Structures are given as C-alpha cells and as structure tokens.
Protein backbone atom coordinates (compact mmCIF):
# COMPACT_ATOMS: atom_id res chain seq x y z
CA UNK A 1 -9.61 57.65 -40.49
CA UNK A 2 -7.87 55.07 -42.65
CA UNK A 3 -10.68 53.02 -44.18
CA UNK A 4 -10.77 49.70 -46.05
CA UNK A 5 -13.73 48.96 -48.30
CA UNK A 6 -15.23 45.52 -48.97
CA UNK A 7 -17.92 45.16 -51.62
CA UNK A 8 -18.85 43.32 -54.82
CA UNK A 9 -18.39 45.45 -57.93
CA UNK A 10 -16.75 48.41 -59.63
CA UNK A 11 -19.66 50.80 -59.12
CA UNK A 12 -20.04 49.81 -55.48
CA UNK A 13 -16.36 50.40 -54.73
CA UNK A 14 -16.55 53.80 -56.43
CA UNK A 15 -19.67 54.68 -54.42
CA UNK A 16 -18.07 53.84 -51.06
CA UNK A 17 -14.80 55.53 -51.95
CA UNK A 18 -16.59 58.74 -52.91
CA UNK A 19 -18.56 58.70 -49.65
CA UNK A 20 -15.33 58.26 -47.66
CA UNK A 21 -13.66 61.15 -49.43
CA UNK A 22 -16.75 63.33 -48.96
CA UNK A 23 -16.60 62.61 -45.22
CA UNK A 24 -12.90 63.52 -45.08
CA UNK A 25 -11.51 60.01 -44.63
CA UNK A 26 -8.87 58.08 -46.55
CA UNK A 27 -9.64 54.80 -48.38
CA UNK A 28 -6.46 52.72 -48.28
CA UNK A 29 -7.51 49.32 -49.67
CA UNK A 30 -10.28 47.45 -51.45
CA UNK A 31 -11.29 43.93 -50.40
CA UNK A 32 -13.07 41.65 -52.85
CA UNK A 33 -14.52 38.25 -51.98
CA UNK A 34 -13.27 35.82 -54.62
CA UNK A 35 -15.19 32.81 -53.29
CA UNK A 36 -18.43 32.07 -51.46
CA UNK A 37 -16.54 30.59 -48.49
CA UNK A 38 -12.99 30.87 -47.14
CA UNK A 39 -10.50 28.25 -48.29
CA UNK A 40 -12.37 27.53 -51.53
CA UNK A 41 -11.42 28.14 -55.14
CA UNK A 42 -12.07 31.30 -57.10
CA UNK A 43 -15.14 31.01 -59.31
CA UNK A 44 -15.27 32.27 -62.88
CA UNK A 45 -17.60 35.20 -62.18
CA UNK A 46 -15.45 36.38 -59.29
CA UNK A 47 -12.31 36.19 -61.43
CA UNK A 48 -13.92 38.30 -64.17
CA UNK A 49 -15.19 40.86 -61.65
CA UNK A 50 -11.79 41.07 -60.00
CA UNK A 51 -10.31 41.95 -63.39
CA UNK A 52 -12.83 44.76 -63.83
CA UNK A 53 -12.03 46.09 -60.36
CA UNK A 54 -8.30 46.06 -61.10
CA UNK A 55 -8.83 48.05 -64.31
CA UNK A 56 -10.85 50.68 -62.42
CA UNK A 57 -8.63 50.75 -59.32
CA UNK A 58 -7.68 54.33 -58.38
CA UNK A 59 -3.97 55.14 -58.10
CA UNK A 60 -2.47 54.35 -54.72
CA UNK A 61 -5.11 51.82 -53.69
CA UNK A 62 -4.42 48.12 -53.26
CA UNK A 63 -6.88 45.32 -54.02
CA UNK A 64 -6.89 42.44 -51.53
CA UNK A 65 -8.21 39.03 -52.62
CA UNK A 66 -8.02 37.01 -49.40
CA UNK A 67 -8.19 33.25 -49.45
CA UNK A 68 -8.70 32.79 -45.71
CA UNK A 69 -10.17 34.77 -42.84
CA UNK A 70 -6.81 34.63 -41.06
CA UNK A 71 -5.10 36.10 -44.09
CA UNK A 72 -7.68 38.86 -44.22
CA UNK A 73 -7.08 39.76 -40.57
CA UNK A 74 -3.30 39.87 -41.13
CA UNK A 75 -3.66 42.03 -44.23
CA UNK A 76 -5.89 44.54 -42.46
CA UNK A 77 -3.44 44.75 -39.58
CA UNK A 78 -0.68 45.57 -42.05
CA UNK A 79 -2.67 48.48 -43.44
CA UNK A 80 -3.31 49.90 -39.96
CA UNK A 81 -6.96 50.54 -40.83
CA UNK A 82 -9.22 52.40 -38.45
CA UNK A 83 -12.42 51.04 -39.99
CA UNK A 84 -13.64 48.41 -42.44
CA UNK A 85 -16.82 49.26 -44.38
CA UNK A 86 -18.64 46.21 -45.78
CA UNK A 87 -21.37 46.13 -48.43
CA UNK A 88 -22.06 42.66 -49.79
CA UNK A 89 -19.13 40.47 -48.66
CA UNK A 90 -19.88 36.74 -48.85
CA UNK A 91 -17.96 35.57 -45.79
CA UNK A 92 -19.08 35.69 -42.20
CA UNK A 93 -16.29 37.69 -40.58
CA UNK A 94 -14.76 36.12 -37.46
CA UNK A 95 -13.65 37.96 -34.33
CA UNK A 96 -10.07 38.07 -35.64
CA UNK A 97 -11.21 40.34 -38.49
CA UNK A 98 -13.84 42.31 -36.57
CA UNK A 99 -11.32 43.25 -33.91
CA UNK A 100 -8.51 44.32 -36.23
CA UNK A 101 -9.64 47.84 -37.27
CA UNK A 102 -9.37 50.38 -34.46
CA UNK A 103 -13.08 51.26 -34.70
CA UNK A 104 -14.30 47.86 -35.81
CA UNK A 105 -16.41 47.02 -38.85
CA UNK A 106 -19.64 48.57 -40.16
CA UNK A 107 -22.01 46.91 -42.60
CA UNK A 108 -24.44 48.32 -45.16
CA UNK A 109 -27.67 46.32 -45.33
CA UNK A 110 -30.59 46.94 -47.72
CA UNK A 111 -33.42 46.68 -45.22
CA UNK A 112 -34.63 48.51 -42.15
CA UNK A 113 -33.04 46.23 -39.57
CA UNK A 114 -33.98 44.23 -37.59
CA UNK A 115 -36.34 43.36 -40.44
CA UNK A 116 -34.87 41.01 -43.07
CA UNK A 117 -31.61 39.95 -41.49
CA UNK A 118 -29.66 37.78 -43.90
CA UNK A 119 -28.21 37.68 -47.42
CA UNK A 120 -31.35 38.39 -49.49
CA UNK A 121 -33.33 41.29 -47.98
CA UNK A 122 -34.47 42.80 -51.29
CA UNK A 123 -35.71 39.45 -52.61
CA UNK A 124 -37.74 38.85 -49.46
CA UNK A 125 -39.20 42.35 -49.56
CA UNK A 126 -40.42 41.72 -53.11
CA UNK A 127 -41.61 38.21 -52.20
CA UNK A 128 -43.67 39.63 -49.33
CA UNK A 129 -45.14 42.40 -51.47
CA UNK A 130 -43.57 45.27 -49.52
CA UNK A 131 -44.19 48.65 -51.19
CA UNK A 132 -40.74 49.95 -50.25
CA UNK A 133 -37.38 49.07 -48.72
CA UNK A 134 -34.73 50.89 -46.75
CA UNK A 135 -31.01 50.94 -45.96
CA UNK A 136 -29.32 50.42 -42.59
CA UNK A 137 -25.70 50.93 -41.59
CA UNK A 138 -24.83 49.07 -38.42
CA UNK A 139 -21.85 47.95 -36.42
CA UNK A 140 -20.95 44.38 -37.29
CA UNK A 141 -20.70 41.62 -34.69
CA UNK A 142 -20.17 37.87 -35.02
CA UNK A 143 -23.82 37.20 -35.90
CA UNK A 144 -25.61 38.15 -39.11
CA UNK A 145 -26.95 41.73 -39.20
CA UNK A 146 -27.52 42.00 -35.44
CA UNK A 147 -25.13 44.78 -34.41
CA UNK A 148 -26.14 48.24 -33.16
CA UNK A 149 -27.64 50.58 -35.76
CA UNK A 150 -25.77 53.76 -36.62
CA UNK A 151 -28.16 55.19 -39.20
CA UNK A 152 -31.01 54.03 -41.42
CA UNK A 153 -33.48 55.41 -43.93
CA UNK A 154 -36.59 53.96 -45.55
CA UNK A 155 -38.93 55.11 -48.28
CA UNK A 156 -37.23 53.55 -51.32
CA UNK A 157 -40.15 52.38 -53.51
CA UNK A 158 -40.39 48.93 -55.06
CA UNK A 159 -42.10 49.18 -58.45
CA UNK A 160 -44.65 46.68 -59.69
CA UNK A 161 -42.15 45.50 -62.31
CA UNK A 162 -39.09 46.02 -60.13
CA UNK A 163 -35.69 45.47 -61.74
CA UNK A 164 -32.13 46.07 -60.56
CA UNK A 165 -31.74 48.69 -63.28
CA UNK A 166 -34.61 50.70 -61.76
CA UNK A 167 -33.94 50.01 -58.09
CA UNK A 168 -30.19 50.42 -57.66
CA UNK A 169 -30.12 54.05 -58.88
CA UNK A 170 -32.57 54.79 -56.04
CA UNK A 171 -30.53 52.90 -53.46
CA UNK A 172 -27.08 54.25 -54.31
CA UNK A 173 -27.60 57.92 -53.32
CA UNK A 174 -29.17 56.78 -50.04
CA UNK A 175 -26.13 54.62 -49.32
CA UNK A 176 -23.79 57.46 -50.14
CA UNK A 177 -25.56 59.87 -47.76
CA UNK A 178 -25.80 57.31 -44.97
CA UNK A 179 -22.15 56.27 -45.27
CA UNK A 180 -21.06 59.89 -44.81
CA UNK A 181 -23.22 60.14 -41.67
CA UNK A 182 -22.10 56.76 -40.33
CA UNK A 183 -18.41 57.60 -40.77
CA UNK A 184 -18.87 60.78 -38.78
CA UNK A 185 -20.61 58.80 -36.03
CA UNK A 186 -17.83 56.20 -35.97
CA UNK A 187 -15.16 58.90 -35.79
CA UNK A 188 -16.98 60.37 -32.78
CA UNK A 189 -17.10 56.86 -31.25
CA UNK A 190 -20.88 56.58 -31.27
CA UNK A 191 -21.84 53.05 -30.14
CA UNK A 192 -25.06 53.00 -32.18
CA UNK A 193 -28.51 51.87 -31.00
CA UNK A 194 -29.05 48.19 -30.10
CA UNK A 195 -31.56 46.41 -32.31
CA UNK A 196 -34.91 45.28 -30.93
CA UNK A 197 -34.89 41.53 -31.57
CA UNK A 198 -38.67 41.33 -31.13
CA UNK A 199 -39.06 42.93 -34.57
CA UNK A 200 -36.50 40.71 -36.29
CA UNK A 201 -37.21 38.63 -39.38
CA UNK A 202 -35.02 36.48 -41.60
CA UNK A 203 -34.04 36.94 -45.25
CA UNK A 204 -32.14 33.76 -45.96
CA UNK A 205 -31.41 32.14 -49.30
CA UNK A 206 -34.56 31.27 -51.29
CA UNK A 207 -35.57 27.64 -50.87
CA UNK A 208 -35.24 25.55 -54.09
CA UNK A 209 -38.86 24.40 -54.08
CA UNK A 210 -40.00 28.03 -54.35
CA UNK A 211 -38.94 27.97 -58.00
CA UNK A 212 -42.08 25.93 -58.80
CA UNK A 213 -45.48 27.69 -58.82
CA UNK A 214 -48.22 26.12 -56.71
CA UNK A 215 -51.61 27.26 -58.01
CA UNK A 216 -53.28 26.31 -54.71
CA UNK A 217 -51.72 29.39 -53.13
CA UNK A 218 -53.29 32.91 -53.18
CA UNK A 219 -52.94 34.86 -56.41
CA UNK A 220 -51.03 37.77 -54.88
CA UNK A 221 -48.46 35.44 -53.33
CA UNK A 222 -47.87 33.84 -56.72
CA UNK A 223 -47.67 37.24 -58.41
CA UNK A 224 -45.00 38.35 -55.93
CA UNK A 225 -43.18 35.04 -56.43
CA UNK A 226 -42.94 35.80 -60.15
CA UNK A 227 -41.89 39.42 -59.44
CA UNK A 228 -39.10 38.25 -57.16
CA UNK A 229 -37.63 35.86 -59.70
CA UNK A 230 -38.02 38.46 -62.45
CA UNK A 231 -35.85 40.77 -60.35
CA UNK A 232 -33.17 38.05 -60.30
CA UNK A 233 -33.29 37.81 -64.10
CA UNK A 234 -35.23 36.10 -66.84
CA UNK A 235 -33.16 32.91 -66.54
CA UNK A 236 -34.52 32.47 -63.01
CA UNK A 237 -38.23 32.47 -63.92
CA UNK A 238 -40.27 30.00 -61.83
CA UNK A 239 -41.92 27.12 -63.65
CA UNK A 240 -45.61 26.27 -63.56
CA UNK A 241 -47.83 23.59 -65.00
CA UNK A 242 -50.58 25.13 -67.13
CA UNK A 243 -53.00 23.04 -69.19
CA UNK A 244 -50.80 19.97 -69.03
CA UNK A 245 -47.59 21.74 -70.10
CA UNK A 246 -44.76 23.40 -68.20
CA UNK A 247 -44.06 27.11 -68.61
CA UNK A 248 -41.34 29.39 -67.28
CA UNK A 249 -43.41 32.33 -66.03
CA UNK A 250 -41.67 35.70 -66.19
CA UNK A 251 -44.56 38.18 -65.80
CA UNK A 252 -48.08 38.08 -64.36
CA UNK A 253 -50.95 40.42 -63.62
CA UNK A 254 -53.75 40.35 -61.06
CA UNK A 255 -56.18 42.29 -63.27
CA UNK A 256 -57.76 41.01 -66.51
CA UNK A 257 -55.31 41.45 -69.42
CA UNK A 258 -54.40 39.59 -72.57
CA UNK A 259 -52.73 36.41 -71.43
CA UNK A 260 -53.33 33.01 -69.92
CA UNK A 261 -55.88 33.02 -67.11
CA UNK A 262 -55.23 30.58 -64.26
CA UNK A 263 -57.33 30.04 -61.15
CA UNK A 264 -55.47 30.33 -57.85
CA UNK A 265 -56.70 29.64 -54.31
CA UNK A 266 -58.63 32.87 -53.97
CA UNK A 267 -58.70 34.60 -57.37
CA UNK A 268 -57.48 34.34 -60.96
CA UNK A 269 -54.10 35.45 -62.22
CA UNK A 270 -53.03 36.23 -65.79
CA UNK A 271 -49.72 35.05 -67.23
CA UNK A 272 -48.57 37.72 -69.69
CA UNK A 273 -45.00 36.56 -70.38
CA UNK A 274 -43.80 32.97 -70.43
CA UNK A 275 -41.95 30.41 -72.50
CA UNK A 276 -41.95 26.60 -72.68
CA UNK A 277 -40.08 24.81 -69.91
CA UNK A 278 -39.14 21.25 -69.07
CA UNK A 279 -40.70 19.20 -66.31
CA UNK A 280 -38.78 20.25 -63.20
CA UNK A 281 -37.20 17.97 -60.66
CA UNK A 282 -39.16 19.19 -57.63
CA UNK A 283 -37.10 19.12 -54.41
CA UNK A 284 -38.62 17.07 -51.61
C-alpha cells in the first residue's frame, strides 16, 4: 500500500514510517498540522516543529502543510494514497478527506476505546487515577474516535510521578507493533469491530477552572489533579490558597512527608513541591 502519515513530531513520524516499512508498505508523504483549525495562521511552535521535520525528512518523501481541508483532500488524491495513518492531527477530518484514500483513514488513540474519546485521553487517565492506559488503532469516521476498532492493547503503567519522558518510551513500541498489525488488517480489508457506545467516556480539553485547587474535594482527587498538571509541565502547575497565600503546587503526597499539610474533604494531603503564585482570575 501507498501510505501517508499524519502526526505531530520528528520522532512520531519516524516511528510510523518504520512500522510501515516493517509491514511491507510504502510511506509516500508526511502531513503536519500547522494550525489548530483549518484556514487559520501558522503558530510559532508549529513553524519551529515543521522546520525540525524538514531537516529529518527521509529522501523521496514530501511534507504537506495544508491550510484547508479541501487542499488536504486534493493533495492526498494527487499522491494516490491507499491509506492515511493519523496520530495526533489537530483537525477533524471531513468526508472529503476520509474518502480519498482507497482504504480510508486509521487513527492511533492512546486509550482503550471507547473509553476516553477525545483529544486528551492520557490527561484524563491520570486525572481519574487510572493505574494504566492502552493504545487503540481504529478506522476513522466523521465523529471523534468512534470508528471500528482494528487492534488495541492495554497494560501500559502510569507511574505515581508520571512524566512524558517516562511514559512515551513505553507507548512507542506498543504503537509500532499495533501499526504493523493494523496495516496487515487494512490490506486484507478487515472492517474492524464496532465500538460499544455503552462503555464510552469523554476526554475533552481540561476546563480552565480545574487549574485552581479546591480543598473541599477529596485528597486523592486533588493529588491526581496535581499529577495531571505535572505531566503537562511545571509551568502548568495548579494554584491553591494555603495559609492566606497562593502557591503553584507541582507535587503532593497522600502519606505523611516533609511538606505543607493541608486538610481536604476526607483526609490530609502534603504539598512537597510548590512556589509562590499570584491570585488567579478564577473562571466563572
């Protein structure tokens, strides 16, 4: 099959390309999403990432930076692709794109669908205190993460102090193995297994008010709130009022340790890493 790859970084493109080659298929183009929505300007981060992708681009491969969904559909048609593999593309793909490749579009999603449909499955898994996550590859339709499942695997542990640097090396080999399997299934025209909507849950963007700690909530919920933002990076630490001052809280513990003890709804929690913060403008 002639395959186009759509993802968000140099390592991710390399991962998908290797999986395609391992499965005996030919990557013919990379697609990178230069904006959060079609018909909007390129942001600075996307421009820098595009430059990195260009520098690492293998010989013979083109990089497509579409500005519109219609342009994307036309470009794919020109490449005569059999399949588009997506892993982290910002746009919702319309029917004009989904119907262009001969075998359609498959998507890589970091949850065991139908659980955590949406753009932030890992964040919601950490927020909910899940001990592990999984990866699903499914056929893409016009809704978010609802298409038939080709293959999935769970059992990827989420550490207490989970970070991208610890988690992604566990996810990447799973994605590579599953992509090889999924490509073989697509080539044999497997339709996949329809998802059971009764087990579906949403993993949408995190609400702004969640960036402020509410001590009237249970201690474990607050602990997982801090863990989730820590995964996003230290600059995203939630703020909390403690003893009449505001702190950006980057690490907590549920057992007695050296730190600031705060009473929550059901038990105490200990703040072990924090720094002064300004009074937030709390969304209403």
